[in-house]
């Protein structure tokens, strides 16, 4: 994205980019709800990863790693963001 902007003669980082990466968060969650969701995400990730190891473990570490990472990202995305 930055290279495309530079090629078109625009600045690489806009004020909107700076606000997105270093500005205040727009999402507000109570501490209790965060810790409940965080605990659920840890439990679900562990449980799903054990099942994935049993199912995909024999297929090799590359496939197992990809499946574990993608499923964990999905769980964390749904519960925490």
N, C-alpha and C. Protein backbone atom coordinates (compact mmCIF):
# COMPACT_ATOMS: atom_id res chain seq x y z
N UNK A 1 0.84 -1.18 0.00
CA UNK A 1 0.00 0.00 0.00
C UNK A 1 0.88 1.24 0.00
N UNK A 2 1.93 1.23 0.83
CA UNK A 2 2.81 2.38 0.91
C UNK A 2 3.52 2.60 -0.42
N UNK A 3 3.99 1.51 -1.04
CA UNK A 3 4.68 1.64 -2.32
C UNK A 3 3.75 2.19 -3.40
N UNK A 4 2.51 1.74 -3.40
CA UNK A 4 1.55 2.24 -4.40
C UNK A 4 1.31 3.73 -4.22
N UNK A 5 1.21 4.15 -2.97
CA UNK A 5 1.02 5.59 -2.73
C UNK A 5 2.23 6.39 -3.17
N UNK A 6 3.43 5.85 -2.88
CA UNK A 6 4.66 6.57 -3.27
C UNK A 6 4.76 6.70 -4.79
N UNK A 7 4.42 5.62 -5.50
CA UNK A 7 4.49 5.64 -6.96
C UNK A 7 3.51 6.67 -7.52
N UNK A 8 2.35 6.80 -6.89
CA UNK A 8 1.35 7.76 -7.36
C UNK A 8 1.64 9.18 -6.90
N UNK A 9 2.73 9.41 -6.17
CA UNK A 9 3.11 10.75 -5.75
C UNK A 9 2.44 11.20 -4.47
N UNK A 10 1.78 10.32 -3.77
CA UNK A 10 1.14 10.68 -2.50
C UNK A 10 2.05 10.27 -1.34
N UNK A 11 1.82 10.82 -0.16
CA UNK A 11 2.64 10.43 0.98
C UNK A 11 2.40 8.96 1.35
N UNK A 12 3.44 8.29 1.85
CA UNK A 12 3.34 6.88 2.20
C UNK A 12 2.38 6.62 3.33
N UNK A 13 2.44 7.44 4.36
CA UNK A 13 1.55 7.29 5.51
C UNK A 13 0.68 8.53 5.63
N UNK A 14 -0.60 8.34 5.70
CA UNK A 14 -1.52 9.46 5.86
C UNK A 14 -1.84 9.63 7.34
N UNK A 15 -2.54 10.68 7.66
CA UNK A 15 -2.94 10.93 9.05
C UNK A 15 -3.90 9.83 9.53
N UNK A 16 -4.72 9.31 8.63
CA UNK A 16 -5.60 8.21 8.98
C UNK A 16 -4.83 6.95 9.37
N UNK A 17 -3.72 6.69 8.66
CA UNK A 17 -2.87 5.54 9.01
C UNK A 17 -2.25 5.71 10.39
N UNK A 18 -1.79 6.91 10.66
CA UNK A 18 -1.18 7.16 11.98
C UNK A 18 -2.19 6.98 13.10
N UNK A 19 -3.42 7.45 12.87
CA UNK A 19 -4.47 7.27 13.88
C UNK A 19 -4.80 5.79 14.06
N UNK A 20 -4.81 5.05 12.96
CA UNK A 20 -5.14 3.63 13.03
C UNK A 20 -4.10 2.85 13.83
N UNK A 21 -2.82 3.12 13.58
CA UNK A 21 -1.76 2.33 14.20
C UNK A 21 -1.35 2.83 15.58
N UNK A 22 -1.42 4.13 15.83
CA UNK A 22 -0.92 4.64 17.11
C UNK A 22 -1.94 5.49 17.86
N UNK A 23 -3.14 5.61 17.34
CA UNK A 23 -4.16 6.42 18.00
C UNK A 23 -4.86 5.65 19.11
N UNK A 24 -5.77 6.31 19.77
CA UNK A 24 -6.51 5.64 20.84
C UNK A 24 -7.43 4.56 20.27
N UNK A 25 -7.63 3.51 21.05
CA UNK A 25 -8.51 2.43 20.61
C UNK A 25 -9.96 2.89 20.65
N UNK A 26 -10.72 2.47 19.67
CA UNK A 26 -12.14 2.83 19.62
C UNK A 26 -13.00 1.76 20.29
N UNK A 27 -12.41 0.60 20.55
CA UNK A 27 -13.14 -0.49 21.17
C UNK A 27 -12.96 -0.39 22.68
N UNK A 28 -14.06 -0.33 23.39
CA UNK A 28 -13.98 -0.31 24.85
C UNK A 28 -14.74 -1.51 25.39
N UNK A 29 -14.07 -2.27 26.25
CA UNK A 29 -14.65 -3.46 26.85
C UNK A 29 -14.32 -3.43 28.33
N UNK A 30 -15.27 -3.84 29.14
CA UNK A 30 -14.98 -3.88 30.57
C UNK A 30 -13.93 -4.95 30.85
N UNK A 31 -13.21 -4.77 31.95
CA UNK A 31 -12.15 -5.70 32.29
C UNK A 31 -12.70 -7.10 32.55
N UNK A 32 -13.85 -7.18 33.20
CA UNK A 32 -14.42 -8.49 33.50
C UNK A 32 -14.80 -9.23 32.22
N UNK A 33 -15.44 -8.52 31.28
CA UNK A 33 -15.83 -9.16 30.02
C UNK A 33 -14.60 -9.58 29.23
N UNK A 34 -13.56 -8.75 29.24
CA UNK A 34 -12.33 -9.11 28.54
C UNK A 34 -11.75 -10.39 29.10
N UNK A 35 -11.65 -10.48 30.43
CA UNK A 35 -11.03 -11.67 31.03
C UNK A 35 -11.88 -12.91 30.84
N UNK A 36 -13.18 -12.77 30.82
CA UNK A 36 -14.05 -13.92 30.53
C UNK A 36 -13.84 -14.38 29.09
N UNK A 37 -13.83 -13.45 28.15
CA UNK A 37 -13.60 -13.80 26.75
C UNK A 37 -12.20 -14.35 26.53
N UNK A 38 -11.21 -13.78 27.21
CA UNK A 38 -9.84 -14.25 27.08
C UNK A 38 -9.72 -15.68 27.60
N UNK A 39 -10.33 -15.96 28.75
CA UNK A 39 -10.29 -17.31 29.31
C UNK A 39 -10.98 -18.31 28.39
N UNK A 40 -12.11 -17.91 27.83
CA UNK A 40 -12.81 -18.79 26.88
C UNK A 40 -11.96 -19.05 25.64
N UNK A 41 -11.26 -18.01 25.15
CA UNK A 41 -10.42 -18.18 23.97
C UNK A 41 -9.25 -19.12 24.26
N UNK A 42 -8.64 -18.99 25.43
CA UNK A 42 -7.53 -19.88 25.80
C UNK A 42 -8.02 -21.32 25.89
N UNK A 43 -9.14 -21.54 26.56
CA UNK A 43 -9.68 -22.89 26.70
C UNK A 43 -10.04 -23.48 25.34
N UNK A 44 -10.75 -22.72 24.51
CA UNK A 44 -11.15 -23.23 23.20
C UNK A 44 -9.96 -23.50 22.29
N UNK A 45 -8.98 -22.61 22.32
CA UNK A 45 -7.78 -22.83 21.50
C UNK A 45 -7.06 -24.10 21.93
N UNK A 46 -6.91 -24.31 23.23
CA UNK A 46 -6.25 -25.51 23.72
C UNK A 46 -7.02 -26.76 23.32
N UNK A 47 -8.32 -26.75 23.54
CA UNK A 47 -9.16 -27.90 23.23
C UNK A 47 -9.14 -28.22 21.74
N UNK A 48 -9.32 -27.21 20.91
CA UNK A 48 -9.33 -27.40 19.46
C UNK A 48 -7.96 -27.85 18.97
N UNK A 49 -6.88 -27.30 19.53
CA UNK A 49 -5.54 -27.69 19.12
C UNK A 49 -5.24 -29.14 19.45
N UNK A 50 -5.72 -29.62 20.59
CA UNK A 50 -5.54 -31.04 20.92
C UNK A 50 -6.28 -31.92 19.91
N UNK A 51 -7.51 -31.54 19.59
CA UNK A 51 -8.27 -32.31 18.59
C UNK A 51 -7.59 -32.27 17.22
N UNK A 52 -7.08 -31.11 16.84
CA UNK A 52 -6.41 -31.00 15.55
C UNK A 52 -5.13 -31.82 15.52
N UNK A 53 -4.43 -31.88 16.64
CA UNK A 53 -3.22 -32.71 16.69
C UNK A 53 -3.58 -34.18 16.50
N UNK A 54 -4.67 -34.62 17.10
CA UNK A 54 -5.09 -36.01 16.95
C UNK A 54 -5.54 -36.32 15.52
N UNK A 55 -6.17 -35.34 14.87
CA UNK A 55 -6.70 -35.57 13.52
C UNK A 55 -5.64 -35.34 12.45
N UNK A 56 -4.90 -34.22 12.53
CA UNK A 56 -3.97 -33.84 11.47
C UNK A 56 -2.51 -34.11 11.80
N UNK A 57 -2.21 -34.63 12.97
CA UNK A 57 -0.82 -34.84 13.37
C UNK A 57 -0.05 -35.76 12.45
N UNK A 58 -0.71 -36.78 11.94
CA UNK A 58 -0.02 -37.74 11.08
C UNK A 58 0.27 -37.19 9.69
N UNK A 59 -0.32 -36.05 9.33
CA UNK A 59 -0.11 -35.48 8.01
C UNK A 59 1.15 -34.62 7.91
N UNK A 60 1.76 -34.33 9.04
CA UNK A 60 3.00 -33.57 9.02
C UNK A 60 2.89 -32.25 9.76
N UNK A 61 4.04 -31.75 10.14
CA UNK A 61 4.07 -30.54 10.97
C UNK A 61 3.65 -29.30 10.20
N UNK A 62 3.92 -29.25 8.91
CA UNK A 62 3.54 -28.07 8.12
C UNK A 62 2.04 -27.87 8.06
N UNK A 63 1.32 -28.92 7.74
CA UNK A 63 -0.14 -28.84 7.68
C UNK A 63 -0.73 -28.61 9.06
N UNK A 64 -0.19 -29.30 10.06
CA UNK A 64 -0.70 -29.14 11.42
C UNK A 64 -0.51 -27.70 11.91
N UNK A 65 0.64 -27.12 11.63
CA UNK A 65 0.89 -25.73 12.04
C UNK A 65 -0.08 -24.78 11.37
N UNK A 66 -0.31 -24.96 10.09
CA UNK A 66 -1.23 -24.08 9.36
C UNK A 66 -2.65 -24.19 9.93
N UNK A 67 -3.11 -25.40 10.19
CA UNK A 67 -4.46 -25.60 10.71
C UNK A 67 -4.59 -25.01 12.11
N UNK A 68 -3.58 -25.22 12.96
CA UNK A 68 -3.62 -24.70 14.33
C UNK A 68 -3.64 -23.17 14.33
N UNK A 69 -2.79 -22.56 13.53
CA UNK A 69 -2.71 -21.10 13.50
C UNK A 69 -4.01 -20.50 12.97
N UNK A 70 -4.54 -21.04 11.89
CA UNK A 70 -5.77 -20.49 11.32
C UNK A 70 -6.96 -20.64 12.25
N UNK A 71 -7.08 -21.79 12.88
CA UNK A 71 -8.22 -21.96 13.79
C UNK A 71 -8.07 -21.09 15.03
N UNK A 72 -6.85 -20.95 15.55
CA UNK A 72 -6.64 -20.09 16.71
C UNK A 72 -6.91 -18.63 16.39
N UNK A 73 -6.51 -18.18 15.21
CA UNK A 73 -6.80 -16.81 14.79
C UNK A 73 -8.31 -16.60 14.70
N UNK A 74 -9.02 -17.56 14.16
CA UNK A 74 -10.48 -17.45 14.06
C UNK A 74 -11.15 -17.37 15.41
N UNK A 75 -10.70 -18.20 16.35
CA UNK A 75 -11.29 -18.18 17.70
C UNK A 75 -11.01 -16.86 18.38
N UNK A 76 -9.77 -16.40 18.35
CA UNK A 76 -9.42 -15.14 19.02
C UNK A 76 -10.14 -13.97 18.36
N UNK A 77 -10.25 -13.98 17.04
CA UNK A 77 -10.95 -12.90 16.34
C UNK A 77 -12.41 -12.81 16.77
N UNK A 78 -13.08 -13.95 16.87
CA UNK A 78 -14.50 -13.94 17.23
C UNK A 78 -14.73 -13.58 18.68
N UNK A 79 -13.84 -13.99 19.57
CA UNK A 79 -14.08 -13.77 21.00
C UNK A 79 -13.54 -12.45 21.53
N UNK A 80 -12.44 -11.97 20.97
CA UNK A 80 -11.80 -10.79 21.55
C UNK A 80 -11.98 -9.52 20.75
N UNK A 81 -12.32 -9.61 19.46
CA UNK A 81 -12.43 -8.39 18.66
C UNK A 81 -13.80 -8.22 18.09
